Protein backbone atom coordinates (compact mmCIF):
# COMPACT_ATOMS: atom_id res chain seq x y z
CA UNK A 1 58.28 73.75 66.67
CA UNK A 2 61.10 71.91 68.63
CA UNK A 3 60.63 68.10 68.38
CA UNK A 4 59.83 67.28 72.73
CA UNK A 5 62.99 66.84 74.76
CA UNK A 6 62.92 63.43 76.01
CA UNK A 7 60.66 62.59 78.79
CA UNK A 8 61.18 62.97 82.47
CA UNK A 9 63.19 59.93 84.31
CA UNK A 10 65.69 59.07 81.80
CA UNK A 11 69.20 59.40 83.25
CA UNK A 12 70.55 60.31 79.46
CA UNK A 13 68.99 63.96 80.23
CA UNK A 14 71.99 64.78 82.81
CA UNK A 15 74.21 63.75 80.28
CA UNK A 16 75.13 66.34 77.64
CA UNK A 17 77.90 65.37 74.44
CA UNK A 18 80.26 68.54 73.85
CA UNK A 19 79.66 67.91 69.54
CA UNK A 20 82.69 70.36 69.05
CA UNK A 21 83.69 68.56 65.76
CA UNK A 22 83.05 69.21 62.03
CA UNK A 23 79.08 69.31 61.79
CA UNK A 24 78.51 66.12 59.72
CA UNK A 25 80.86 64.42 62.53
CA UNK A 26 78.77 65.64 65.40
CA UNK A 27 75.38 64.70 64.31
CA UNK A 28 76.65 61.22 62.63
CA UNK A 29 78.65 60.37 66.53
CA UNK A 30 75.36 61.85 68.39
CA UNK A 31 72.82 60.01 66.25
CA UNK A 32 75.22 56.75 67.77
CA UNK A 33 75.50 58.12 71.51
CA UNK A 34 71.69 59.32 71.45
CA UNK A 35 70.37 56.02 73.64
CA UNK A 36 73.04 57.16 76.67
CA UNK A 37 72.94 60.88 75.75
CA UNK A 38 69.69 63.37 75.81
CA UNK A 39 71.60 66.38 75.48
CA UNK A 40 73.94 68.30 72.51
CA UNK A 41 75.99 71.09 73.58
CA UNK A 42 76.73 73.39 69.89
CA UNK A 43 79.48 75.45 71.47
CA UNK A 44 81.29 78.25 69.77
CA UNK A 45 83.23 76.87 66.96
CA UNK A 46 80.07 75.16 65.26
CA UNK A 47 77.89 78.09 66.11
CA UNK A 48 80.38 80.69 64.44
CA UNK A 49 80.83 78.17 61.40
CA UNK A 50 76.95 77.75 61.05
CA UNK A 51 74.59 79.58 63.05
CA UNK A 52 71.18 78.54 63.89
CA UNK A 53 72.07 75.73 60.94
CA UNK A 54 74.16 74.20 64.25
CA UNK A 55 71.05 73.69 65.61
CA UNK A 56 68.25 72.88 63.76
CA UNK A 57 69.78 68.98 62.68
CA UNK A 58 70.58 68.41 66.47
CA UNK A 59 67.09 69.29 67.22
CA UNK A 60 65.43 67.44 64.72
CA UNK A 61 67.29 63.91 65.90
CA UNK A 62 65.30 64.74 69.22
CA UNK A 63 68.47 66.21 71.31
CA UNK A 64 67.76 69.24 74.22
CA UNK A 65 70.52 71.46 72.48
CA UNK A 66 72.39 73.24 74.99
CA UNK A 67 73.78 76.62 73.46
CA UNK A 68 77.32 77.09 74.33
CA UNK A 69 77.56 80.52 73.77
CA UNK A 70 79.06 82.47 76.87
CA UNK A 71 77.54 85.79 76.12
CA UNK A 72 79.20 88.28 77.60
CA UNK A 73 78.58 92.13 77.01
CA UNK A 74 76.19 94.80 77.76
CA UNK A 75 72.98 94.14 78.78
CA UNK A 76 71.35 95.64 76.20
CA UNK A 77 73.59 93.15 73.38
CA UNK A 78 73.10 90.34 75.61
CA UNK A 79 69.30 90.90 75.95
CA UNK A 80 69.11 90.72 72.14
CA UNK A 81 71.23 87.42 71.35
CA UNK A 82 69.75 85.64 74.34
CA UNK A 83 65.88 86.62 72.27
CA UNK A 84 67.60 85.47 68.88
CA UNK A 85 68.87 82.06 70.80
CA UNK A 86 65.48 81.61 72.66
CA UNK A 87 63.39 81.68 69.53
CA UNK A 88 65.56 78.97 68.28
CA UNK A 89 64.25 76.21 70.36
CA UNK A 90 67.44 75.49 72.45
CA UNK A 91 67.01 73.95 76.21
CA UNK A 92 69.93 75.47 77.86
CA UNK A 93 71.97 78.55 76.86
CA UNK A 94 75.01 80.25 78.62
CA UNK A 95 76.23 83.46 79.75
CA UNK A 96 78.91 84.44 81.90
CA UNK A 97 78.02 85.66 85.47
CA UNK A 98 80.37 88.22 85.69
CA UNK A 99 78.45 90.41 83.15
CA UNK A 100 76.63 91.44 86.32
CA UNK A 101 73.44 91.52 87.56
CA UNK A 102 71.83 93.60 84.61
CA UNK A 103 72.87 91.95 82.11
CA UNK A 104 71.99 88.70 83.95
CA UNK A 105 68.67 89.96 84.00
CA UNK A 106 69.24 90.76 80.59
CA UNK A 107 69.47 87.32 79.16
CA UNK A 108 66.81 85.74 81.07
CA UNK A 109 64.21 88.25 79.30
CA UNK A 110 65.35 88.22 76.18
CA UNK A 111 65.80 84.39 76.15
CA UNK A 112 61.84 84.30 77.44
CA UNK A 113 60.55 86.65 75.07
CA UNK A 114 61.95 85.36 71.91
CA UNK A 115 61.07 81.66 72.92
CA UNK A 116 57.76 83.13 73.78
CA UNK A 117 57.04 85.00 70.35
CA UNK A 118 58.50 81.27 68.65
CA UNK A 119 56.44 79.25 70.23
CA UNK A 120 59.08 77.55 72.13
CA UNK A 121 59.35 76.63 76.04
CA UNK A 122 62.30 79.54 77.26
CA UNK A 123 65.46 78.00 77.34
CA UNK A 124 66.97 77.83 81.09
CA UNK A 125 70.17 80.33 81.41
CA UNK A 126 73.50 78.67 82.13
CA UNK A 127 75.27 81.49 84.18
CA UNK A 128 79.08 80.62 83.97
CA UNK A 129 80.80 81.07 87.00
CA UNK A 130 84.52 80.12 87.10
CA UNK A 131 85.79 78.70 83.49
CA UNK A 132 87.41 74.93 84.39
CA UNK A 133 89.99 75.54 82.63
CA UNK A 134 91.29 78.66 85.26
CA UNK A 135 92.30 77.93 88.63
CA UNK A 136 93.63 80.30 91.72
CA UNK A 137 96.98 81.64 89.80
CA UNK A 138 94.62 82.10 86.39
CA UNK A 139 92.46 84.32 88.62
CA UNK A 140 94.96 86.20 90.04
CA UNK A 141 96.36 86.85 86.53
CA UNK A 142 93.01 88.57 85.79
CA UNK A 143 93.22 90.71 88.84
CA UNK A 144 90.61 88.27 91.06
CA UNK A 145 91.78 87.49 94.23
CA UNK A 146 89.62 85.42 95.76
CA UNK A 147 90.23 81.50 95.20
CA UNK A 148 88.43 79.43 92.22
CA UNK A 149 86.02 78.25 94.45
CA UNK A 150 84.64 81.53 96.34
CA UNK A 151 84.82 83.27 93.45
CA UNK A 152 81.86 80.08 92.17
CA UNK A 153 80.41 80.37 95.42
CA UNK A 154 80.38 84.46 94.85
CA UNK A 155 79.08 84.82 91.42
CA UNK A 156 76.55 81.98 92.28
CA UNK A 157 74.77 84.36 94.46
CA UNK A 158 74.63 86.87 92.29
CA UNK A 159 73.69 84.92 89.25
CA UNK A 160 70.57 83.40 91.27
CA UNK A 161 69.60 86.86 92.76
CA UNK A 162 69.24 88.28 88.84
CA UNK A 163 66.84 84.64 88.19
CA UNK A 164 68.50 82.54 86.17
CA UNK A 165 67.76 79.25 85.69
CA UNK A 166 71.10 77.54 86.71
CA UNK A 167 74.65 77.99 86.74
CA UNK A 168 77.99 76.42 85.33
CA UNK A 169 80.69 75.56 87.68
CA UNK A 170 83.54 72.93 88.56
CA UNK A 171 82.75 69.54 89.83
CA UNK A 172 85.51 70.65 92.25
CA UNK A 173 82.93 73.14 93.88
CA UNK A 174 79.63 72.00 92.86
CA UNK A 175 78.97 71.11 96.51
CA UNK A 176 79.59 74.20 97.80
CA UNK A 177 77.15 76.18 95.41
CA UNK A 178 75.05 73.92 95.83
CA UNK A 179 74.80 74.38 99.56
CA UNK A 180 74.77 77.97 98.68
CA UNK A 181 72.17 78.36 96.45
CA UNK A 182 69.58 75.47 97.35
CA UNK A 183 68.11 72.65 95.29
CA UNK A 184 66.36 74.88 92.90
CA UNK A 185 69.07 75.78 90.25
CA UNK A 186 70.25 73.49 87.73
CA UNK A 187 73.97 72.81 88.04
CA UNK A 188 75.96 72.29 85.10
CA UNK A 189 79.49 71.25 85.25
CA UNK A 190 81.82 70.60 82.49
CA UNK A 191 85.47 69.23 83.30
CA UNK A 192 84.03 65.77 83.38
CA UNK A 193 86.53 62.73 82.70
CA UNK A 194 86.39 59.35 83.88
CA UNK A 195 88.51 57.68 86.04
CA UNK A 196 92.43 57.37 84.38
CA UNK A 197 90.96 59.99 81.42
CA UNK A 198 93.34 62.94 81.00
CA UNK A 199 92.72 66.46 81.97
CA UNK A 200 93.77 67.79 78.50
CA UNK A 201 93.29 71.88 78.88
CA UNK A 202 91.42 71.49 82.23
CA UNK A 203 92.22 72.98 85.34
CA UNK A 204 89.62 71.71 87.81
CA UNK A 205 87.96 68.17 86.82
CA UNK A 206 86.31 65.59 88.68
CA UNK A 207 84.57 61.93 87.26
CA UNK A 208 80.90 61.62 86.60
CA UNK A 209 80.51 59.42 89.84
CA UNK A 210 81.72 62.18 92.40
CA UNK A 211 79.95 65.56 90.62
CA UNK A 212 76.96 63.78 90.39
CA UNK A 213 77.04 62.62 94.14
CA UNK A 214 78.55 66.39 94.77
CA UNK A 215 74.59 67.47 93.41
CA UNK A 216 75.43 68.33 89.64
CA UNK A 217 72.53 67.93 87.33
CA UNK A 218 73.48 68.22 84.37
CA UNK A 219 77.39 66.66 82.95
CA UNK A 220 79.48 68.47 79.99
CA UNK A 221 81.43 65.46 78.87
CA UNK A 222 83.15 65.61 75.40
CA UNK A 223 86.78 64.21 74.33
CA UNK A 224 86.48 60.97 76.75
CA UNK A 225 83.17 60.45 74.40
CA UNK A 226 84.06 61.87 70.61
CA UNK A 227 87.80 61.04 71.09
CA UNK A 228 87.14 57.29 72.63
CA UNK A 229 88.33 54.47 70.56
CA UNK A 230 84.41 52.97 70.67
CA UNK A 231 82.35 56.37 71.50
CA UNK A 232 79.22 54.46 72.55
CA UNK A 233 80.58 52.30 75.11
CA UNK A 234 82.43 55.44 76.32
CA UNK A 235 79.15 57.06 76.58
CA UNK A 236 77.10 54.33 78.03
CA UNK A 237 80.02 53.80 80.64
CA UNK A 238 79.75 57.01 81.61
CA UNK A 239 75.81 56.96 81.82
CA UNK A 240 76.03 53.65 83.69
CA UNK A 241 77.83 55.96 86.36
CA UNK A 242 74.94 58.36 86.87
CA UNK A 243 72.25 58.41 89.64
CA UNK A 244 70.08 60.79 91.33
CA UNK A 245 66.96 62.21 89.52
CA UNK A 246 66.74 63.42 86.55
CA UNK A 247 65.94 67.17 84.79
CA UNK A 248 62.40 67.25 84.04
CA UNK A 249 61.22 68.09 80.47
CA UNK A 250 61.99 72.22 81.10
CA UNK A 251 65.26 72.17 82.53
CA UNK A 252 63.90 72.19 86.09
CA UNK A 253 65.45 69.88 89.03
CA UNK A 254 63.42 67.37 90.41
CA UNK A 255 62.65 67.35 94.11
């Protein structure tokens, strides 16, 4: 069984560390920043290298794990993969909203069934709208004529209709997406940069406080913490910018 998630009422549950480091370094860092960060994001690099063994040690440290695989394939394949992810005891799993309604429904169904068989709560399926590394010009290059905010809103509506529990979008369009989908979905925003921090390869970034005020529930922060001279102080400072109601233990947004 997975360790119980952080109790409700803690702002740290709104902050996810993007653990894009070698696994021993990522685990050591999470242990240091855990008083300020409740969620550990395990992405492609860690999962490709270690598989489920990239998830288990974070769970053992009491983290809620965000498995960021951005699944995008035919519905049956995604359903099977989501079932395997659900069985791991993770709290969040990402899929691409652009995979379509049938694929999204398969992800929700698979995650629920896999988690139930393993005795876990089902992870929240987070549908990725438009990657924060893309802007209007990048979308046009791949044949999407809509601007990033309009495309995010369109995919958000599709994902909500498919029954997902949340969405991933840039903080630049989170207010528009929140207005479109209502209060019940978890809105996750990567591309978070404290004031004065370098944007890196992100095209649409925002500060932690601005993202929360716009309607975000869960912020993903990587380099501003792990590349900081003092990661613990950096995490503490970011947490200090957050306000509002935290996520509940099952990942739902508290009203």
